[in-house]
C-alpha atoms as a PDB file:
ATOM      1  CA  MET A   1     186.773 108.097 135.724  1.00  0.00           C
ATOM      2  CA  ASP A   2     187.903 104.660 134.619  1.00  0.00           C
ATOM      3  CA  CYS A   3     186.849 102.560 131.649  1.00  0.00           C
ATOM      4  CA  SER A   4     184.357  99.854 132.656  1.00  0.00           C
ATOM      5  CA  PHE A   5     186.194  97.277 130.553  1.00  0.00           C
ATOM      6  CA  CYS A   6     189.939  97.902 130.455  1.00  0.00           C
ATOM      7  CA  GLY A   7     190.254 100.024 133.619  1.00  0.00           C
ATOM      8  CA  ARG A   8     192.286 102.836 132.044  1.00  0.00           C
ATOM      9  CA  GLU A   9     191.716 106.455 133.033  1.00  0.00           C
ATOM     10  CA  ILE A  10     189.404 108.246 130.599  1.00  0.00           C
ATOM     11  CA  SER A  11     190.128 111.883 129.834  1.00  0.00           C
ATOM     12  CA  ARG A  12     187.154 114.152 130.334  1.00  0.00           C
ATOM     13  CA  GLY A  13     184.784 114.489 127.401  1.00  0.00           C
ATOM     14  CA  THR A  14     186.140 111.550 125.412  1.00  0.00           C
ATOM     15  CA  GLU A  15     184.189 108.717 127.012  1.00  0.00           C
ATOM     16  CA  SER A  16     181.118 106.971 125.642  1.00  0.00           C
ATOM     17  CA  VAL A  17     178.377 105.991 128.067  1.00  0.00           C
ATOM     18  CA  PHE A  18     176.081 102.976 127.854  1.00  0.00           C
ATOM     19  CA  VAL A  19     173.176 102.772 130.298  1.00  0.00           C
ATOM     20  CA  THR A  20     171.788  99.300 130.990  1.00  0.00           C
ATOM     21  CA  LYS A  21     168.099  98.494 131.430  1.00  0.00           C
ATOM     22  CA  ARG A  22     168.646  98.465 135.180  1.00  0.00           C
ATOM     23  CA  GLY A  23     170.110 101.972 135.080  1.00  0.00           C
ATOM     24  CA  LYS A  24     173.791 101.147 135.570  1.00  0.00           C
ATOM     25  CA  ALA A  25     176.095 103.403 133.557  1.00  0.00           C
ATOM     26  CA  LEU A  26     179.073 101.805 131.806  1.00  0.00           C
ATOM     27  CA  TYR A  27     181.848 104.130 130.640  1.00  0.00           C
ATOM     28  CA  PHE A  28     184.131 103.156 127.766  1.00  0.00           C
ATOM     29  CA  CYS A  29     187.368 104.771 126.617  1.00  0.00           C
ATOM     30  CA  SER A  30     187.187 103.417 123.072  1.00  0.00           C
ATOM     31  CA  GLY A  31     185.048 101.521 120.610  1.00  0.00           C
ATOM     32  CA  LYS A  32     187.328  98.534 121.151  1.00  0.00           C
ATOM     33  CA  CYS A  33     186.358  98.296 124.820  1.00  0.00           C
ATOM     34  CA  GLU A  34     182.689  98.914 124.097  1.00  0.00           C
ATOM     35  CA  LYS A  35     182.547  96.200 121.428  1.00  0.00           C
ATOM     36  CA  ASN A  36     184.456  93.667 123.534  1.00  0.00           C
ATOM     37  CA  MET A  37     182.088  94.031 126.480  1.00  0.00           C
ATOM     38  CA  LEU A  38     178.699  94.613 124.853  1.00  0.00           C
ATOM     39  CA  LYS A  39     178.777  92.953 121.458  1.00  0.00           C
ATOM     40  CA  LEU A  40     181.292  90.143 121.994  1.00  0.00           C
ATOM     41  CA  GLY A  41     180.429  89.539 125.663  1.00  0.00           C
ATOM     42  CA  ARG A  42     184.033  89.251 126.822  1.00  0.00           C
ATOM     43  CA  LYS A  43     185.039  89.565 130.444  1.00  0.00           C
ATOM     44  CA  PRO A  44     187.867  91.930 131.438  1.00  0.00           C
ATOM     45  CA  ARG A  45     189.466  89.265 133.653  1.00  0.00           C
ATOM     46  CA  GLU A  46     189.930  86.995 130.641  1.00  0.00           C
ATOM     47  CA  THR A  47     191.161  89.614 128.157  1.00  0.00           C
ATOM     48  CA  LYS A  48     194.953  89.904 128.325  1.00  0.00           C
ATOM     49  CA  TRP A  49     195.335  93.618 127.571  1.00  0.00           C
ATOM     50  CA  THR A  50     193.110  94.854 130.447  1.00  0.00           C
ATOM     51  CA  LEU A  51     194.335  96.063 133.832  1.00  0.00           C
ATOM     52  CA  GLU A  52     191.987  93.654 135.591  1.00  0.00           C
ATOM     53  CA  TYR A  53     193.643  90.706 133.816  1.00  0.00           C
ATOM     54  CA  ARG A  54     197.103  91.891 134.847  1.00  0.00           C
ATOM     55  CA  ASP A  55     196.050  92.302 138.473  1.00  0.00           C
ATOM     56  CA  GLU A  56     194.488  88.828 138.478  1.00  0.00           C
ATOM     57  CA  LYS A  57     197.671  87.400 136.962  1.00  0.00           C
ATOM     58  CA  VAL A  58     199.801  88.875 139.755  1.00  0.00           C
ATOM     59  CA  ILE A  59     197.535  87.307 142.361  1.00  0.00           C
ATOM     60  CA  ARG A  60     197.387  84.003 140.484  1.00  0.00           C
ATOM     61  CA  THR A  61     201.146  83.615 140.036  1.00  0.00           C
ATOM     62  CA  LYS A  62     202.094  85.071 143.441  1.00  0.00           C
ATOM     63  CA  SER A  63     205.531  85.745 142.024  1.00  0.00           C
ATOM     64  CA  GLY A  64     204.426  89.148 140.988  1.00  0.00           C
ATOM     65  CA  ALA A  65     207.583  91.048 141.810  1.00  0.00           C
ATOM     66  CA  ALA A  66     208.063  92.262 138.235  1.00  0.00           C
ATOM     67  CA  GLU A  67     204.349  92.740 137.644  1.00  0.00           C
ATOM     68  CA  SER A  68     203.833  94.645 140.883  1.00  0.00           C
ATOM     69  CA  ALA A  69     206.760  96.903 139.968  1.00  0.00           C
ATOM     70  CA  ALA A  70     205.077  97.652 136.656  1.00  0.00           C
ATOM     71  CA  ALA A  71     201.801  98.346 138.457  1.00  0.00           C
ATOM     72  CA  LYS A  72     203.646 100.647 140.864  1.00  0.00           C
ATOM     73  CA  GLU A  73     205.252 102.556 137.979  1.00  0.00           C
ATOM     74  CA  ARG A  74     201.876 102.907 136.259  1.00  0.00           C
ATOM     75  CA  ARG A  75     200.315 104.247 139.467  1.00  0.00           C
ATOM     76  CA  GLU A  76     203.172 106.746 139.959  1.00  0.00           C
ATOM     77  CA  LYS A  77     202.774 108.025 136.381  1.00  0.00           C
ATOM     78  CA  GLU A  78     199.063 108.517 136.942  1.00  0.00           C
ATOM     79  CA  GLU A  79     199.708 110.421 140.180  1.00  0.00           C
ATOM     80  CA  LYS A  80     202.243 112.694 138.464  1.00  0.00           C
ATOM     81  CA  ALA A  81     199.769 113.408 135.680  1.00  0.00           C
ATOM     82  CA  GLU A  82     197.057 114.254 138.219  1.00  0.00           C
ATOM     83  CA  GLU A  83     199.432 116.602 140.065  1.00  0.00           C
ATOM     84  CA  ALA A  84     200.320 118.356 136.823  1.00  0.00           C
ATOM     85  CA  VAL A  85     196.635 118.834 136.006  1.00  0.00           C
ATOM     86  CA  LYS A  86     195.989 120.261 139.490  1.00  0.00           C
ATOM     87  CA  GLU A  87     198.915 122.669 139.125  1.00  0.00           C
ATOM     88  CA  MET A  88     197.662 123.823 135.754  1.00  0.00           C
ATOM     89  CA  ALA A  89     194.174 124.357 137.180  1.00  0.00           C
ATOM     90  CA  GLU A  90     195.539 126.394 140.096  1.00  0.00           C
ATOM     91  CA  ASP A  91     197.814 128.546 137.942  1.00  0.00           C
ATOM     92  CA  LYS A  92     195.412 130.015 135.389  1.00  0.00           C
ATOM     93  CA  THR A  93     197.621 132.984 134.525  1.00  0.00           C
ATOM     94  CA  PRO A  94     199.183 132.450 131.099  1.00  0.00           C
ATOM     95  CA  LYS A  95     202.955 132.238 131.179  1.00  0.00           C
ATOM     96  CA  LYS A  96     204.954 134.405 128.787  1.00  0.00           C
ATOM     97  CA  SER A  97     207.896 133.129 126.841  1.00  0.00           C
ATOM     98  CA  PRO A  98     211.303 134.697 127.558  1.00  0.00           C
ATOM     99  CA  ALA A  99     211.346 136.210 124.063  1.00  0.00           C
ATOM    100  CA  LYS A 100     208.073 138.062 124.674  1.00  0.00           C
ATOM    101  CA  GLU A 101     209.277 139.309 128.052  1.00  0.00           C
ATOM    102  CA  ALA A 102     212.458 140.697 126.465  1.00  0.00           C
ATOM    103  CA  GLU A 103     210.411 142.348 123.733  1.00  0.00           C
ATOM    104  CA  GLU A 104     208.127 144.020 126.276  1.00  0.00           C
ATOM    105  CA  THR A 105     211.059 145.364 128.297  1.00  0.00           C
ATOM    106  CA  LYS A 106     212.413 146.983 125.106  1.00  0.00           C
ATOM    107  CA  LYS A 107     209.031 148.541 124.286  1.00  0.00           C
ATOM    108  CA  LYS A 108     208.391 150.100 127.722  1.00  0.00           C
ATOM    109  CA  PRO A 109     211.066 152.863 127.533  1.00  0.00           C
ATOM    110  CA  ALA A 110     210.042 153.690 123.961  1.00  0.00           C
ATOM    111  CA  VAL A 111     206.401 154.019 124.973  1.00  0.00           C
ATOM    112  CA  LYS A 112     207.326 156.331 127.852  1.00  0.00           C
ATOM    113  CA  LYS A 113     209.355 158.571 125.514  1.00  0.00           C
ATOM    114  CA  GLY A 114     206.437 158.737 123.087  1.00  0.00           C
ATOM    115  CA  LYS A 115     204.043 159.751 125.859  1.00  0.00           C
ATOM    116  CA  LYS A 116     206.432 162.488 127.032  1.00  0.00           C
ATOM    117  CA  LYS A 117     206.675 163.915 123.505  1.00  0.00           C
ATOM    118  CA  LYS A 118     202.889 164.026 123.163  1.00  0.00           C
ATOM    119  CA  ALA A 119     202.578 165.799 126.526  1.00  0.00           C
ATOM    120  CA  GLU A 120     205.195 168.386 125.460  1.00  0.00           C
ATOM    121  CA  LYS A 121     203.397 169.133 122.153  1.00  0.00           C
ATOM    122  CA  LYS A 122     200.135 169.933 123.940  1.00  0.00           C
END
């Protein structure tokens, strides 16, 4: 979900929600965004550090080659992050470090020898 003011992606569980009298929910990524919109009454299109301002600037200047490249890079980073999250969600098995794997391979023959000795004693 995106911040209602700056437009950035909000990681799950970190957002703050403000519900208006009409029932519209506004999601904020930080206290800075919340204060700018609610208390100070600023508009995202007029605040320079918001994504909405940057998009408006590209349209306004129409020479947005550099700006559109930056927007493209930002979008690609977000897509890569989403893919990584999906991969992590799909692969829920914990991965072992190479050191632990080597340690386990050393232990297996020793464990088998110990089991054989116990069986022989009985």
